[in-house]
Amino acid sequence: MAELNVEALVLAGGDDKRSEEYRPLRPLAGYPMVTYVVKALRQCPAVQRLGVAGPRERLAGLWEPEIELVPGGNNLIDTLEKGLDAFQPRTWLLVATADVPLLTPVAVGDFLARCTPLLARYDFFYSIVERRVYEAFCPGGRRTYVHLREGSFTGGNLFLVRPEVAVPACRRGADIMRLRKSPVRLARLIGPWFLLRFLLRRLSLAEAEARFSSLLGLRGVTVPVPHAAVGFDLDHPEDFVLAEGLLQKGF
C-alpha cells in the first residue's frame, strides 16, 4: 500500500478581541502552546504542507513562511470552515486543534497509519482514546467519556477528512451544535431510540458512526489510538500544570 501523504491544518481560532488572553499563545515551558502542535506535525514525514488557521496579527512571526497562516473564526467549526476555504487543500486533510501540546510525530504517524487501509471506504476519520489508556497517562484527569458497548472512550484532537466533504459537513455540524441548548429538538434530530440505546449503554461504535455519518452527510469512522496525548487537551488548570511539568522534562 502506498504511503499516505497529507496536508495539515491547525485550528487556532476563537480569538476574542475583548480579551487579552489568546489561548493558543499561552506559554508552556517557555514556548506558546500552539508551537508544540505545529512542531509535532511538521516532524511527521507524511505531512507535506502545513497551515495554521487563526488571527494573523497574533500568530505572525512564530514560524517560517512555509507554515501558511490562514483566517480563523470564532469557534472550532467556524475556524475549520474559514480555514478550509483559505487553505484550499488538494489532498487528504489532517486537522489538529491548537491545545494538544503533548502531541508527538509518532502519535500523528500512528493515527495516519491506522487510517490508511480504510481510505477507500471512508471520508472522515476521527481519533478516540480508550478510558484506560487515558487514565493510565493522567490518573484522575477530568475528561468527558462516551460509554458504548465496546467500552468508554474520550474524543481525540486529530481527524482526517476528504476536503470535498469537509465544508458541507461543517455546516451540518454547526446546525447540530446550535441545537445543543434545545434538548427536545436535538433528541428529535438524533432519534429517540438512538438516545435510549446510548443512555442504556447498549449503543455500539458502529451504530454511533453510522448515525453521525448520516447526520453529517459523509462516511465516517472512529479510530482508536493508543496515545493518550491525542486526547489530552488543556481545558482545566490542572491540565496546564501537568503539561508544563512534562514539557520541562522533555516529553
Foldseek 3Di string as FASTA:
>chain_A
DDDAAAAEEEEQAQDDPVDPDRQQQPDFLHGRQLVLVVVQQVPQVRHPAAEYEYDCVVCPPPDDVSHHYFHADNDDLRGVLRVCVVVVIDFKYKYFYSFLNVRHNVQVSVQSVQCVVCVVPWFKEWEKEAPVLQCVVPPPDDFDWQQAPVHIIGTFGIMIGGSVLSNLLSVLVVVLVVCPVPVVVNCVLQDVVQVVCRVVRHHHQVNVQVSSCVSSVTRYHYDYGSDNSRHLGDDDPVSSVVSSVVVNVPD
